Amino acid sequence: RNVPFVLVTGFADVREPELRFAPMLRKPVSDDGEVRRLLEAMLSP
């Protein structure tokens, strides 16, 4: 559907090709600004 996504995970083991190049946020997510900036960058196009 051409919907951008971010992986939010505590693990770095991404083997699946569908997920390999997705942006990633590490848990625990403690920086609200980081999430906002990432979403704004993803949605700006």
Full PDB file with SEQRES, HELIX, SHEET, SSBOND, CRYST1, ORIGX, SCALE, CONECT and MASTER records, all heavy atoms in Angstrom:
SEQRES   1 A   45  ARG ASN VAL PRO PHE VAL LEU VAL THR GLY PHE ALA ASP          
SEQRES   2 A   45  VAL ARG GLU PRO GLU LEU ARG PHE ALA PRO MET LEU ARG          
SEQRES   3 A   45  LYS PRO VAL SER ASP ASP GLY GLU VAL ARG ARG LEU LEU          
SEQRES   4 A   45  GLU ALA MET LEU SER PRO                                      
HELIX    1 AA1 ASP A   32  LEU A   43  1                                  12    
SHEET    1 AA1 2 LEU A   7  THR A   9  0                                        
SHEET    2 AA1 2 MET A  24  ARG A  26  1                                        
CRYST1    1.000    1.000    1.000  90.00  90.00  90.00 P 1           1          
ORIGX1      1.000000  0.000000  0.000000        0.00000                         
ORIGX2      0.000000  1.000000  0.000000        0.00000                         
ORIGX3      0.000000  0.000000  1.000000        0.00000                         
SCALE1      1.000000  0.000000  0.000000        0.00000                         
SCALE2      0.000000  1.000000  0.000000        0.00000                         
SCALE3      0.000000  0.000000  1.000000        0.00000                         
ATOM      1  N   ARG A   1       0.821  -1.218   0.000  1.00  0.00           N  
ATOM      2  CA  ARG A   1       0.000   0.000   0.000  1.00  0.00           C  
ATOM      3  C   ARG A   1       0.855   1.269   0.000  1.00  0.00           C  
ATOM      4  O   ARG A   1       0.316   2.366   0.152  1.00  0.00           O  
ATOM      5  CB  ARG A   1      -0.900   0.008   1.235  1.00  0.00           C  
ATOM      6  CG  ARG A   1      -1.901  -1.113   1.250  1.00  0.00           C  
ATOM      7  CD  ARG A   1      -2.646  -1.094   2.551  1.00  0.00           C  
ATOM      8  NE  ARG A   1      -3.591  -2.181   2.626  1.00  0.00           N  
ATOM      9  CZ  ARG A   1      -4.758  -2.095   3.248  1.00  0.00           C  
ATOM     10  NH1 ARG A   1      -5.105  -0.980   3.845  1.00  0.00           N  
ATOM     11  NH2 ARG A   1      -5.543  -3.133   3.289  1.00  0.00           N  
ATOM     12  N   ASN A   2       2.163   1.103  -0.095  1.00  0.00           N  
ATOM     13  CA  ASN A   2       3.094   2.234  -0.085  1.00  0.00           C  
ATOM     14  C   ASN A   2       2.993   3.056   1.192  1.00  0.00           C  
ATOM     15  O   ASN A   2       3.026   4.291   1.167  1.00  0.00           O  
ATOM     16  CB  ASN A   2       2.873   3.117  -1.321  1.00  0.00           C  
ATOM     17  CG  ASN A   2       4.085   3.972  -1.617  1.00  0.00           C  
ATOM     18  OD1 ASN A   2       5.214   3.600  -1.316  1.00  0.00           O  
ATOM     19  ND2 ASN A   2       3.845   5.138  -2.190  1.00  0.00           N  
ATOM     20  N   VAL A   3       2.865   2.349   2.331  1.00  0.00           N  
ATOM     21  CA  VAL A   3       2.794   2.993   3.645  1.00  0.00           C  
ATOM     22  C   VAL A   3       4.149   2.824   4.328  1.00  0.00           C  
ATOM     23  O   VAL A   3       4.591   1.697   4.550  1.00  0.00           O  
ATOM     24  CB  VAL A   3       1.685   2.366   4.523  1.00  0.00           C  
ATOM     25  CG1 VAL A   3       1.715   2.951   5.934  1.00  0.00           C  
ATOM     26  CG2 VAL A   3       0.320   2.564   3.882  1.00  0.00           C  
ATOM     27  N   PRO A   4       4.820   3.925   4.668  1.00  0.00           N  
ATOM     28  CA  PRO A   4       6.115   3.808   5.341  1.00  0.00           C  
ATOM     29  C   PRO A   4       5.948   3.294   6.773  1.00  0.00           C  
ATOM     30  O   PRO A   4       4.942   3.571   7.425  1.00  0.00           O  
ATOM     31  CB  PRO A   4       6.651   5.236   5.325  1.00  0.00           C  
ATOM     32  CG  PRO A   4       5.453   6.107   5.231  1.00  0.00           C  
ATOM     33  CD  PRO A   4       4.424   5.314   4.462  1.00  0.00           C  
ATOM     34  N   PHE A   5       6.947   2.552   7.235  1.00  0.00           N  
ATOM     35  CA  PHE A   5       6.892   2.031   8.606  1.00  0.00           C  
ATOM     36  C   PHE A   5       8.269   2.047   9.243  1.00  0.00           C  
ATOM     37  O   PHE A   5       9.292   2.090   8.572  1.00  0.00           O  
ATOM     38  CB  PHE A   5       6.291   0.623   8.637  1.00  0.00           C  
ATOM     39  CG  PHE A   5       7.050  -0.402   7.853  1.00  0.00           C  
ATOM     40  CD1 PHE A   5       8.102  -1.113   8.424  1.00  0.00           C  
ATOM     41  CD2 PHE A   5       6.708  -0.673   6.537  1.00  0.00           C  
ATOM     42  CE1 PHE A   5       8.799  -2.059   7.696  1.00  0.00           C  
ATOM     43  CE2 PHE A   5       7.396  -1.621   5.800  1.00  0.00           C  
ATOM     44  CZ  PHE A   5       8.443  -2.322   6.385  1.00  0.00           C  
ATOM     45  N   VAL A   6       8.238   2.018  10.577  1.00  0.00           N  
ATOM     46  CA  VAL A   6       9.442   1.977  11.401  1.00  0.00           C  
ATOM     47  C   VAL A   6       9.343   0.752  12.287  1.00  0.00           C  
ATOM     48  O   VAL A   6       8.275   0.466  12.833  1.00  0.00           O  
ATOM     49  CB  VAL A   6       9.533   3.238  12.302  1.00  0.00           C  
ATOM     50  CG1 VAL A   6      10.718   3.148  13.256  1.00  0.00           C  
ATOM     51  CG2 VAL A   6       9.607   4.496  11.471  1.00  0.00           C  
ATOM     52  N   LEU A   7      10.444   0.035  12.428  1.00  0.00           N  
ATOM     53  CA  LEU A   7      10.495  -1.069  13.376  1.00  0.00           C  
ATOM     54  C   LEU A   7      10.884  -0.507  14.736  1.00  0.00           C  
ATOM     55  O   LEU A   7      11.850   0.252  14.851  1.00  0.00           O  
ATOM     56  CB  LEU A   7      11.528  -2.111  12.944  1.00  0.00           C  
ATOM     57  CG  LEU A   7      11.236  -2.842  11.640  1.00  0.00           C  
ATOM     58  CD1 LEU A   7      12.391  -3.771  11.295  1.00  0.00           C  
ATOM     59  CD2 LEU A   7       9.928  -3.612  11.726  1.00  0.00           C  
ATOM     60  N   VAL A   8      10.119  -0.866  15.754  1.00  0.00           N  
ATOM     61  CA  VAL A   8      10.411  -0.462  17.123  1.00  0.00           C  
ATOM     62  C   VAL A   8      10.730  -1.750  17.869  1.00  0.00           C  
ATOM     63  O   VAL A   8       9.844  -2.572  18.093  1.00  0.00           O  
ATOM     64  CB  VAL A   8       9.211   0.262  17.771  1.00  0.00           C  
ATOM     65  CG1 VAL A   8       9.556   0.726  19.169  1.00  0.00           C  
ATOM     66  CG2 VAL A   8       8.757   1.426  16.911  1.00  0.00           C  
ATOM     67  N   THR A   9      12.010  -1.939  18.201  1.00  0.00           N  
ATOM     68  CA  THR A   9      12.413  -3.230  18.730  1.00  0.00           C  
ATOM     69  C   THR A   9      13.621  -3.122  19.643  1.00  0.00           C  
ATOM     70  O   THR A   9      14.391  -2.176  19.554  1.00  0.00           O  
ATOM     71  CB  THR A   9      12.706  -4.211  17.574  1.00  0.00           C  
ATOM     72  OG1 THR A   9      13.019  -5.492  18.110  1.00  0.00           O  
ATOM     73  CG2 THR A   9      13.845  -3.722  16.710  1.00  0.00           C  
ATOM     74  N   GLY A  10      13.761  -4.106  20.484  1.00  0.00           N  
ATOM     75  CA  GLY A  10      14.946  -4.225  21.321  1.00  0.00           C  
ATOM     76  C   GLY A  10      15.959  -5.154  20.705  1.00  0.00           C  
ATOM     77  O   GLY A  10      17.043  -5.356  21.237  1.00  0.00           O  
ATOM     78  N   PHE A  11      15.624  -5.729  19.560  1.00  0.00           N  
ATOM     79  CA  PHE A  11      16.481  -6.703  18.889  1.00  0.00           C  
ATOM     80  C   PHE A  11      16.996  -6.141  17.574  1.00  0.00           C  
ATOM     81  O   PHE A  11      16.331  -5.355  16.928  1.00  0.00           O  
ATOM     82  CB  PHE A  11      15.704  -7.996  18.600  1.00  0.00           C  
ATOM     83  CG  PHE A  11      15.111  -8.601  19.836  1.00  0.00           C  
ATOM     84  CD1 PHE A  11      13.789  -8.383  20.163  1.00  0.00           C  
ATOM     85  CD2 PHE A  11      15.880  -9.383  20.673  1.00  0.00           C  
ATOM     86  CE1 PHE A  11      13.236  -8.933  21.310  1.00  0.00           C  
ATOM     87  CE2 PHE A  11      15.345  -9.931  21.823  1.00  0.00           C  
ATOM     88  CZ  PHE A  11      14.017  -9.708  22.143  1.00  0.00           C  
ATOM     89  N   ALA A  12      18.154  -6.584  17.178  1.00  0.00           N  
ATOM     90  CA  ALA A  12      18.724  -6.144  15.905  1.00  0.00           C  
ATOM     91  C   ALA A  12      18.739  -7.272  14.879  1.00  0.00           C  
ATOM     92  O   ALA A  12      19.279  -7.123  13.799  1.00  0.00           O  
ATOM     93  CB  ALA A  12      20.143  -5.625  16.118  1.00  0.00           C  
ATOM     94  N   ASP A  13      18.142  -8.397  15.200  1.00  0.00           N  
ATOM     95  CA  ASP A  13      18.169  -9.573  14.341  1.00  0.00           C  
ATOM     96  C   ASP A  13      17.066  -9.488  13.284  1.00  0.00           C  
ATOM     97  O   ASP A  13      15.983 -10.040  13.446  1.00  0.00           O  
ATOM     98  CB  ASP A  13      18.007 -10.833  15.189  1.00  0.00           C  
ATOM     99  CG  ASP A  13      18.134 -12.101  14.375  1.00  0.00           C  
ATOM    100  OD1 ASP A  13      18.731 -12.048  13.284  1.00  0.00           O  
ATOM    101  OD2 ASP A  13      17.630 -13.145  14.825  1.00  0.00           O  
ATOM    102  N   VAL A  14      17.355  -8.758  12.205  1.00  0.00           N  
ATOM    103  CA  VAL A  14      16.382  -8.592  11.132  1.00  0.00           C  
ATOM    104  C   VAL A  14      16.892  -9.360   9.925  1.00  0.00           C  
ATOM    105  O   VAL A  14      17.817  -8.933   9.256  1.00  0.00           O  
ATOM    106  CB  VAL A  14      16.175  -7.099  10.789  1.00  0.00           C  
ATOM    107  CG1 VAL A  14      15.180  -6.949   9.656  1.00  0.00           C  
ATOM    108  CG2 VAL A  14      15.728  -6.331  12.014  1.00  0.00           C  
ATOM    109  N   ARG A  15      16.295 -10.514   9.677  1.00  0.00           N  
ATOM    110  CA  ARG A  15      16.722 -11.379   8.576  1.00  0.00           C  
ATOM    111  C   ARG A  15      15.835 -11.229   7.347  1.00  0.00           C  
ATOM    112  O   ARG A  15      16.275 -11.445   6.226  1.00  0.00           O  
ATOM    113  CB  ARG A  15      16.711 -12.840   9.031  1.00  0.00           C  
ATOM    114  CG  ARG A  15      17.657 -13.146  10.159  1.00  0.00           C  
ATOM    115  CD  ARG A  15      17.517 -14.582  10.621  1.00  0.00           C  
ATOM    116  NE  ARG A  15      16.161 -14.922  11.040  1.00  0.00           N  
ATOM    117  CZ  ARG A  15      15.716 -14.811  12.281  1.00  0.00           C  
ATOM    118  NH1 ARG A  15      16.498 -14.370  13.228  1.00  0.00           N  
ATOM    119  NH2 ARG A  15      14.480 -15.146  12.588  1.00  0.00           N  
ATOM    120  N   GLU A  16      14.579 -10.919   7.562  1.00  0.00           N  
ATOM    121  CA  GLU A  16      13.617 -10.873   6.465  1.00  0.00           C  
ATOM    122  C   GLU A  16      13.928  -9.733   5.505  1.00  0.00           C  
ATOM    123  O   GLU A  16      14.104  -8.595   5.933  1.00  0.00           O  
ATOM    124  CB  GLU A  16      12.192 -10.697   7.007  1.00  0.00           C  
ATOM    125  CG  GLU A  16      11.736 -11.791   7.928  1.00  0.00           C  
ATOM    126  CD  GLU A  16      12.091 -11.547   9.390  1.00  0.00           C  
ATOM    127  OE1 GLU A  16      12.953 -10.708   9.696  1.00  0.00           O  
ATOM    128  OE2 GLU A  16      11.501 -12.224  10.240  1.00  0.00           O  
ATOM    129  N   PRO A  17      13.956 -10.013   4.199  1.00  0.00           N  
ATOM    130  CA  PRO A  17      14.239  -8.950   3.230  1.00  0.00           C  
ATOM    131  C   PRO A  17      13.218  -7.820   3.275  1.00  0.00           C  
ATOM    132  O   PRO A  17      13.548  -6.672   2.999  1.00  0.00           O  
ATOM    133  CB  PRO A  17      14.220  -9.653   1.874  1.00  0.00           C  
ATOM    134  CG  PRO A  17      13.928 -11.073   2.120  1.00  0.00           C  
ATOM    135  CD  PRO A  17      13.787 -11.309   3.582  1.00  0.00           C  
ATOM    136  N   GLU A  18      11.977  -8.123   3.644  1.00  0.00           N  
ATOM    137  CA  GLU A  18      10.926  -7.103   3.700  1.00  0.00           C  
ATOM    138  C   GLU A  18      11.176  -6.099   4.827  1.00  0.00           C  
ATOM    139  O   GLU A  18      10.611  -5.008   4.834  1.00  0.00           O  
ATOM    140  CB  GLU A  18       9.544  -7.742   3.939  1.00  0.00           C  
ATOM    141  CG  GLU A  18       9.113  -8.692   2.863  1.00  0.00           C  
ATOM    142  CD  GLU A  18       9.640 -10.119   3.092  1.00  0.00           C  
ATOM    143  OE1 GLU A  18      10.310 -10.392   4.102  1.00  0.00           O  
ATOM    144  OE2 GLU A  18       9.366 -10.967   2.233  1.00  0.00           O  
ATOM    145  N   LEU A  19      12.004  -6.481   5.787  1.00  0.00           N  
ATOM    146  CA  LEU A  19      12.243  -5.638   6.960  1.00  0.00           C  
ATOM    147  C   LEU A  19      13.652  -5.080   7.035  1.00  0.00           C  
ATOM    148  O   LEU A  19      13.921  -4.142   7.777  1.00  0.00           O  
ATOM    149  CB  LEU A  19      11.983  -6.448   8.241  1.00  0.00           C  
ATOM    150  CG  LEU A  19      10.613  -7.092   8.391  1.00  0.00           C  
ATOM    151  CD1 LEU A  19      10.569  -7.950   9.640  1.00  0.00           C  
ATOM    152  CD2 LEU A  19       9.520  -6.044   8.420  1.00  0.00           C  
ATOM    153  N   ARG A  20      14.553  -5.655   6.283  1.00  0.00           N  
ATOM    154  CA  ARG A  20      15.982  -5.383   6.446  1.00  0.00           C  
ATOM    155  C   ARG A  20      16.351  -3.910   6.355  1.00  0.00           C  
ATOM    156  O   ARG A  20      17.224  -3.438   7.068  1.00  0.00           O  
ATOM    157  CB  ARG A  20      16.782  -6.179   5.431  1.00  0.00           C  
ATOM    158  CG  ARG A  20      18.277  -6.146   5.709  1.00  0.00           C  
ATOM    159  CD  ARG A  20      19.061  -7.132   4.910  1.00  0.00           C  
ATOM    160  NE  ARG A  20      18.665  -8.487   5.266  1.00  0.00           N  
ATOM    161  CZ  ARG A  20      18.440  -9.449   4.376  1.00  0.00           C  
ATOM    162  NH1 ARG A  20      18.574  -9.204   3.095  1.00  0.00           N  
ATOM    163  NH2 ARG A  20      18.088 -10.643   4.767  1.00  0.00           N  
ATOM    164  N   PHE A  21      15.726  -3.145   5.481  1.00  0.00           N  
ATOM    165  CA  PHE A  21      16.119  -1.755   5.273  1.00  0.00           C  
ATOM    166  C   PHE A  21      15.156  -0.756   5.909  1.00  0.00           C  
ATOM    167  O   PHE A  21      15.240   0.446   5.636  1.00  0.00           O  
ATOM    168  CB  PHE A  21      16.285  -1.479   3.780  1.00  0.00           C  
ATOM    169  CG  PHE A  21      17.371  -2.334   3.175  1.00  0.00           C  
ATOM    170  CD1 PHE A  21      17.044  -3.399   2.345  1.00  0.00           C  
ATOM    171  CD2 PHE A  21      18.698  -2.102   3.476  1.00  0.00           C  
ATOM    172  CE1 PHE A  21      18.037  -4.209   1.808  1.00  0.00           C  
ATOM    173  CE2 PHE A  21      19.698  -2.905   2.946  1.00  0.00           C  
ATOM    174  CZ  PHE A  21      19.365  -3.960   2.111  1.00  0.00           C  
ATOM    175  N   ALA A  22      14.268  -1.234   6.754  1.00  0.00           N  
ATOM    176  CA  ALA A  22      13.333  -0.334   7.430  1.00  0.00           C  
ATOM    177  C   ALA A  22      14.064   0.484   8.496  1.00  0.00           C  
ATOM    178  O   ALA A  22      14.977  -0.020   9.153  1.00  0.00           O  
ATOM    179  CB  ALA A  22      12.211  -1.141   8.084  1.00  0.00           C  
ATOM    180  N   PRO A  23      13.657   1.737   8.680  1.00  0.00           N  
ATOM    181  CA  PRO A  23      14.210   2.515   9.793  1.00  0.00           C  
ATOM    182  C   PRO A  23      13.891   1.806  11.105  1.00  0.00           C  
ATOM    183  O   PRO A  23      12.867   1.111  11.215  1.00  0.00           O  
ATOM    184  CB  PRO A  23      13.480   3.858   9.717  1.00  0.00           C  
ATOM    185  CG  PRO A  23      12.831   3.891   8.391  1.00  0.00           C  
ATOM    186  CD  PRO A  23      12.659   2.478   7.930  1.00  0.00           C  
ATOM    187  N   MET A  24      14.757   1.982  12.101  1.00  0.00           N  
ATOM    188  CA  MET A  24      14.580   1.256  13.350  1.00  0.00           C  
ATOM    189  C   MET A  24      14.751   2.186  14.546  1.00  0.00           C  
ATOM    190  O   MET A  24      15.670   3.006  14.573  1.00  0.00           O  
ATOM    191  CB  MET A  24      15.613   0.123  13.423  1.00  0.00           C  
ATOM    192  CG  MET A  24      15.378  -0.839  14.555  1.00  0.00           C  
ATOM    193  SD  MET A  24      16.582  -2.195  14.570  1.00  0.00           S  
ATOM    194  CE  MET A  24      16.196  -3.035  13.046  1.00  0.00           C  
ATOM    195  N   LEU A  25      13.842   2.051  15.498  1.00  0.00           N  
ATOM    196  CA  LEU A  25      13.953   2.703  16.793  1.00  0.00           C  
ATOM    197  C   LEU A  25      14.204   1.616  17.826  1.00  0.00           C  
ATOM    198  O   LEU A  25      13.523   0.594  17.824  1.00  0.00           O  
ATOM    199  CB  LEU A  25      12.669   3.438  17.160  1.00  0.00           C  
ATOM    200  CG  LEU A  25      12.382   4.752  16.471  1.00  0.00           C  
ATOM    201  CD1 LEU A  25      10.979   5.225  16.818  1.00  0.00           C  
ATOM    202  CD2 LEU A  25      13.396   5.797  16.890  1.00  0.00           C  
ATOM    203  N   ARG A  26      15.165   1.855  18.683  1.00  0.00           N  
ATOM    204  CA  ARG A  26      15.489   0.881  19.731  1.00  0.00           C  
ATOM    205  C   ARG A  26      14.604   1.094  20.955  1.00  0.00           C  
ATOM    206  O   ARG A  26      14.385   2.222  21.377  1.00  0.00           O  
ATOM    207  CB  ARG A  26      16.942   1.030  20.154  1.00  0.00           C  
ATOM    208  CG  ARG A  26      17.912   0.661  19.096  1.00  0.00           C  
ATOM    209  CD  ARG A  26      18.132  -0.806  19.137  1.00  0.00           C  
ATOM    210  NE  ARG A  26      19.212  -1.122  18.210  1.00  0.00           N  
ATOM    211  CZ  ARG A  26      19.241  -2.211  17.533  1.00  0.00           C  
ATOM    212  NH1 ARG A  26      18.279  -3.090  17.660  1.00  0.00           N  
ATOM    213  NH2 ARG A  26      20.226  -2.456  16.720  1.00  0.00           N  
ATOM    214  N   LYS A  27      14.112  -0.017  21.502  1.00  0.00           N  
ATOM    215  CA  LYS A  27      13.405   0.029  22.778  1.00  0.00           C  
ATOM    216  C   LYS A  27      14.448   0.040  23.883  1.00  0.00           C  
ATOM    217  O   LYS A  27      15.486  -0.599  23.740  1.00  0.00           O  
ATOM    218  CB  LYS A  27      12.537  -1.211  22.948  1.00  0.00           C  
ATOM    219  CG  LYS A  27      11.293  -1.227  22.131  1.00  0.00           C  
ATOM    220  CD  LYS A  27      10.535  -2.482  22.483  1.00  0.00           C  
ATOM    221  CE  LYS A  27       9.340  -2.682  21.620  1.00  0.00           C  
ATOM    222  NZ  LYS A  27       8.656  -3.935  21.949  1.00  0.00           N  
ATOM    223  N   PRO A  28      14.174   0.692  24.965  1.00  0.00           N  
ATOM    224  CA  PRO A  28      12.987   1.514  25.197  1.00  0.00           C  
ATOM    225  C   PRO A  28      13.090   2.846  24.473  1.00  0.00           C  
ATOM    226  O   PRO A  28      14.155   3.439  24.393  1.00  0.00           O  
ATOM    227  CB  PRO A  28      12.991   1.717  26.714  1.00  0.00           C  
ATOM    228  CG  PRO A  28      14.420   1.618  27.108  1.00  0.00           C  
ATOM    229  CD  PRO A  28      15.055   0.656  26.132  1.00  0.00           C  
ATOM    230  N   VAL A  29      11.963   3.280  23.923  1.00  0.00           N  
ATOM    231  CA  VAL A  29      11.914   4.568  23.229  1.00  0.00           C  
ATOM    232  C   VAL A  29      11.721   5.634  24.296  1.00  0.00           C  
ATOM    233  O   VAL A  29      10.706   5.654  24.976  1.00  0.00           O  
ATOM    234  CB  VAL A  29      10.749   4.616  22.213  1.00  0.00           C  
ATOM    235  CG1 VAL A  29      10.664   5.976  21.567  1.00  0.00           C  
ATOM    236  CG2 VAL A  29      10.923   3.528  21.175  1.00  0.00           C  
ATOM    237  N   SER A  30      12.719   6.478  24.456  1.00  0.00           N  
ATOM    238  CA  SER A  30      12.652   7.468  25.524  1.00  0.00           C  
ATOM    239  C   SER A  30      12.655   8.896  25.000  1.00  0.00           C  
ATOM    240  O   SER A  30      12.440   9.828  25.755  1.00  0.00           O  
ATOM    241  CB  SER A  30      13.823   7.279  26.494  1.00  0.00           C  
ATOM    242  OG  SER A  30      15.044   7.380  25.793  1.00  0.00           O  
ATOM    243  N   ASP A  31      12.888   9.075  23.719  1.00  0.00           N  
ATOM    244  CA  ASP A  31      12.996  10.414  23.144  1.00  0.00           C  
ATOM    245  C   ASP A  31      11.809  10.676  22.222  1.00  0.00           C  
ATOM    246  O   ASP A  31      11.794  10.237  21.074  1.00  0.00           O  
ATOM    247  CB  ASP A  31      14.321  10.538  22.387  1.00  0.00           C  
ATOM    248  CG  ASP A  31      14.555  11.921  21.808  1.00  0.00           C  
ATOM    249  OD1 ASP A  31      13.669  12.792  21.944  1.00  0.00           O  
ATOM    250  OD2 ASP A  31      15.620  12.121  21.206  1.00  0.00           O  
ATOM    251  N   ASP A  32      10.813  11.421  22.746  1.00  0.00           N  
ATOM    252  CA  ASP A  32       9.641  11.767  21.935  1.00  0.00           C  
ATOM    253  C   ASP A  32      10.058  12.480  20.654  1.00  0.00           C  
ATOM    254  O   ASP A  32       9.492  12.264  19.592  1.00  0.00           O  
ATOM    255  CB  ASP A  32       8.692  12.679  22.706  1.00  0.00           C  
ATOM    256  CG  ASP A  32       7.966  11.971  23.833  1.00  0.00           C  
ATOM    257  OD1 ASP A  32       8.321  10.815  24.157  1.00  0.00           O  
ATOM    258  OD2 ASP A  32       7.049  12.572  24.395  1.00  0.00           O  
ATOM    259  N   GLY A  33      11.045  13.349  20.759  1.00  0.00           N  
ATOM    260  CA  GLY A  33      11.498  14.111  19.602  1.00  0.00           C  
ATOM    261  C   GLY A  33      12.043  13.223  18.505  1.00  0.00           C  
ATOM    262  O   GLY A  33      11.838  13.494  17.325  1.00  0.00           O  
ATOM    263  N   GLU A  34      12.717  12.155  18.879  1.00  0.00           N  
ATOM    264  CA  GLU A  34      13.263  11.226  17.884  1.00  0.00           C  
ATOM    265  C   GLU A  34      12.140  10.580  17.075  1.00  0.00           C  
ATOM    266  O   GLU A  34      12.223  10.472  15.854  1.00  0.00           O  
ATOM    267  CB  GLU A  34      14.104  10.159  18.574  1.00  0.00           C  
ATOM    268  CG  GLU A  34      14.722   9.158  17.614  1.00  0.00           C  
ATOM    269  CD  GLU A  34      15.532   8.080  18.324  1.00  0.00           C  
ATOM    270  OE1 GLU A  34      15.433   7.950  19.557  1.00  0.00           O  
ATOM    271  OE2 GLU A  34      16.249   7.369  17.618  1.00  0.00           O  
ATOM    272  N   VAL A  35      11.088  10.171  17.740  1.00  0.00           N  
ATOM    273  CA  VAL A  35       9.947   9.548  17.054  1.00  0.00           C  
ATOM    274  C   VAL A  35       9.286  10.568  16.130  1.00  0.00           C  
ATOM    275  O   VAL A  35       9.006  10.267  14.970  1.00  0.00           O  
ATOM    276  CB  VAL A  35       8.930   8.981  18.067  1.00  0.00           C  
ATOM    277  CG1 VAL A  35       7.696   8.444  17.357  1.00  0.00           C  
ATOM    278  CG2 VAL A  35       9.572   7.894  18.914  1.00  0.00           C  
ATOM    279  N   ARG A  36       9.070  11.769  16.634  1.00  0.00           N  
ATOM    280  CA  ARG A  36       8.444  12.819  15.809  1.00  0.00           C  
ATOM    281  C   ARG A  36       9.278  13.130  14.572  1.00  0.00           C  
ATOM    282  O   ARG A  36       8.756  13.225  13.468  1.00  0.00           O  
ATOM    283  CB  ARG A  36       8.226  14.085  16.633  1.00  0.00           C  
ATOM    284  CG  ARG A  36       6.990  14.056  17.486  1.00  0.00           C  
ATOM    285  CD  ARG A  36       6.684  15.432  18.045  1.00  0.00           C  
ATOM    286  NE  ARG A  36       7.664  15.854  19.035  1.00  0.00           N  
ATOM    287  CZ  ARG A  36       7.571  15.591  20.339  1.00  0.00           C  
ATOM    288  NH1 ARG A  36       6.556  14.912  20.804  1.00  0.00           N  
ATOM    289  NH2 ARG A  36       8.503  16.015  21.169  1.00  0.00           N  
ATOM    290  N   ARG A  37      10.587  13.300  14.764  1.00  0.00           N  
ATOM    291  CA  ARG A  37      11.466  13.618  13.624  1.00  0.00           C  
ATOM    292  C   ARG A  37      11.457  12.494  12.594  1.00  0.00           C  
ATOM    293  O   ARG A  37      11.419  12.746  11.386  1.00  0.00           O  
ATOM    294  CB  ARG A  37      12.892  13.877  14.107  1.00  0.00           C  
ATOM    295  CG  ARG A  37      13.074  15.227  14.769  1.00  0.00           C  
ATOM    296  CD  ARG A  37      14.525  15.524  15.065  1.00  0.00           C  
ATOM    297  NE  ARG A  37      15.125  14.573  15.989  1.00  0.00           N  
ATOM    298  CZ  ARG A  37      15.048  14.624  17.321  1.00  0.00           C  
ATOM    299  NH1 ARG A  37      14.389  15.612  17.892  1.00  0.00           N  
ATOM    300  NH2 ARG A  37      15.634  13.715  18.071  1.00  0.00           N  
ATOM    301  N   LEU A  38      11.486  11.258  13.058  1.00  0.00           N  
ATOM    302  CA  LEU A  38      11.486  10.119  12.141  1.00  0.00           C  
ATOM    303  C   LEU A  38      10.184  10.059  11.352  1.00  0.00           C  
ATOM    304  O   LEU A  38      10.186   9.884  10.136  1.00  0.00           O  
ATOM    305  CB  LEU A  38      11.732   8.827  12.909  1.00  0.00           C  
ATOM    306  CG  LEU A  38      11.922   7.565  12.097  1.00  0.00           C  
ATOM    307  CD1 LEU A  38      13.020   7.709  11.062  1.00  0.00           C  
ATOM    308  CD2 LEU A  38      12.249   6.403  13.025  1.00  0.00           C  
ATOM    309  N   LEU A  39       9.051  10.235  12.027  1.00  0.00           N  
ATOM    310  CA  LEU A  39       7.761  10.225  11.328  1.00  0.00           C  
ATOM    311  C   LEU A  39       7.659  11.383  10.343  1.00  0.00           C  
ATOM    312  O   LEU A  39       7.196  11.199   9.214  1.00  0.00           O  
ATOM    313  CB  LEU A  39       6.604  10.277  12.323  1.00  0.00           C  
ATOM    314  CG  LEU A  39       6.286   8.970  13.035  1.00  0.00           C  
ATOM    315  CD1 LEU A  39       5.282   9.205  14.154  1.00  0.00           C  
ATOM    316  CD2 LEU A  39       5.773   7.920  12.066  1.00  0.00           C  
ATOM    317  N   GLU A  40       8.091  12.562  10.747  1.00  0.00           N  
ATOM    318  CA  GLU A  40       8.034  13.712   9.843  1.00  0.00           C  
ATOM    319  C   GLU A  40       8.893  13.469   8.606  1.00  0.00           C  
ATOM    320  O   GLU A  40       8.482  13.788   7.491  1.00  0.00           O  
ATOM    321  CB  GLU A  40       8.477  14.979  10.576  1.00  0.00           C  
ATOM    322  CG  GLU A  40       7.453  15.467  11.562  1.00  0.00           C  
ATOM    323  CD  GLU A  40       7.970  16.583  12.467  1.00  0.00           C  
ATOM    324  OE1 GLU A  40       9.078  17.118  12.199  1.00  0.00           O  
ATOM    325  OE2 GLU A  40       7.272  16.915  13.433  1.00  0.00           O  
ATOM    326  N   ALA A  41      10.071  12.889   8.804  1.00  0.00           N  
ATOM    327  CA  ALA A  41      10.953  12.592   7.655  1.00  0.00           C  
ATOM    328  C   ALA A  41      10.316  11.549   6.753  1.00  0.00           C  
ATOM    329  O   ALA A  41      10.382  11.650   5.523  1.00  0.00           O  
ATOM    330  CB  ALA A  41      12.313  12.110   8.153  1.00  0.00           C  
ATOM    331  N   MET A  42       9.686  10.545   7.334  1.00  0.00           N  
ATOM    332  CA  MET A  42       9.043   9.503   6.527  1.00  0.00           C  
ATOM    333  C   MET A  42       7.852  10.047   5.761  1.00  0.00           C  
ATOM    334  O   MET A  42       7.608   9.644   4.624  1.00  0.00           O  
ATOM    335  CB  MET A  42       8.571   8.351   7.426  1.00  0.00           C  
ATOM    336  CG  MET A  42       9.667   7.476   7.930  1.00  0.00           C  
ATOM    337  SD  MET A  42       9.111   6.182   9.068  1.00  0.00           S  
ATOM    338  CE  MET A  42       7.424   5.921   8.701  1.00  0.00           C  
ATOM    339  N   LEU A  43       7.104  10.936   6.383  1.00  0.00           N  
ATOM    340  CA  LEU A  43       5.872  11.418   5.769  1.00  0.00           C  
ATOM    341  C   LEU A  43       6.075  12.615   4.854  1.00  0.00           C  
ATOM    342  O   LEU A  43       5.207  12.914   4.030  1.00  0.00           O  
ATOM    343  CB  LEU A  43       4.862  11.777   6.862  1.00  0.00           C  
ATOM    344  CG  LEU A  43       4.315  10.585   7.644  1.00  0.00           C  
ATOM    345  CD1 LEU A  43       3.524  11.043   8.842  1.00  0.00           C  
ATOM    346  CD2 LEU A  43       3.490   9.688   6.752  1.00  0.00           C  
ATOM    347  N   SER A  44       7.202  13.304   4.933  1.00  0.00           N  
ATOM    348  CA  SER A  44       7.389  14.507   4.121  1.00  0.00           C  
ATOM    349  C   SER A  44       7.297  14.252   2.614  1.00  0.00           C  
ATOM    350  O   SER A  44       6.748  15.082   1.901  1.00  0.00           O  
ATOM    351  CB  SER A  44       8.702  15.216   4.478  1.00  0.00           C  
ATOM    352  OG  SER A  44       9.801  14.406   4.136  1.00  0.00           O  
ATOM    353  N   PRO A  45       7.794  13.111   2.083  1.00  0.00           N  
ATOM    354  CA  PRO A  45       7.608  12.898   0.635  1.00  0.00           C  
ATOM    355  C   PRO A  45       6.140  12.757   0.225  1.00  0.00           C  
ATOM    356  O   PRO A  45       5.811  12.917  -0.933  1.00  0.00           O  
ATOM    357  CB  PRO A  45       8.358  11.599   0.363  1.00  0.00           C  
ATOM    358  CG  PRO A  45       9.278  11.405   1.516  1.00  0.00           C  
ATOM    359  CD  PRO A  45       8.608  12.078   2.684  1.00  0.00           C  
TER     360      PRO A  45                                                      
MASTER        0    0    0    1    2    0    0    6  359    1    0    4          
END                                                                             
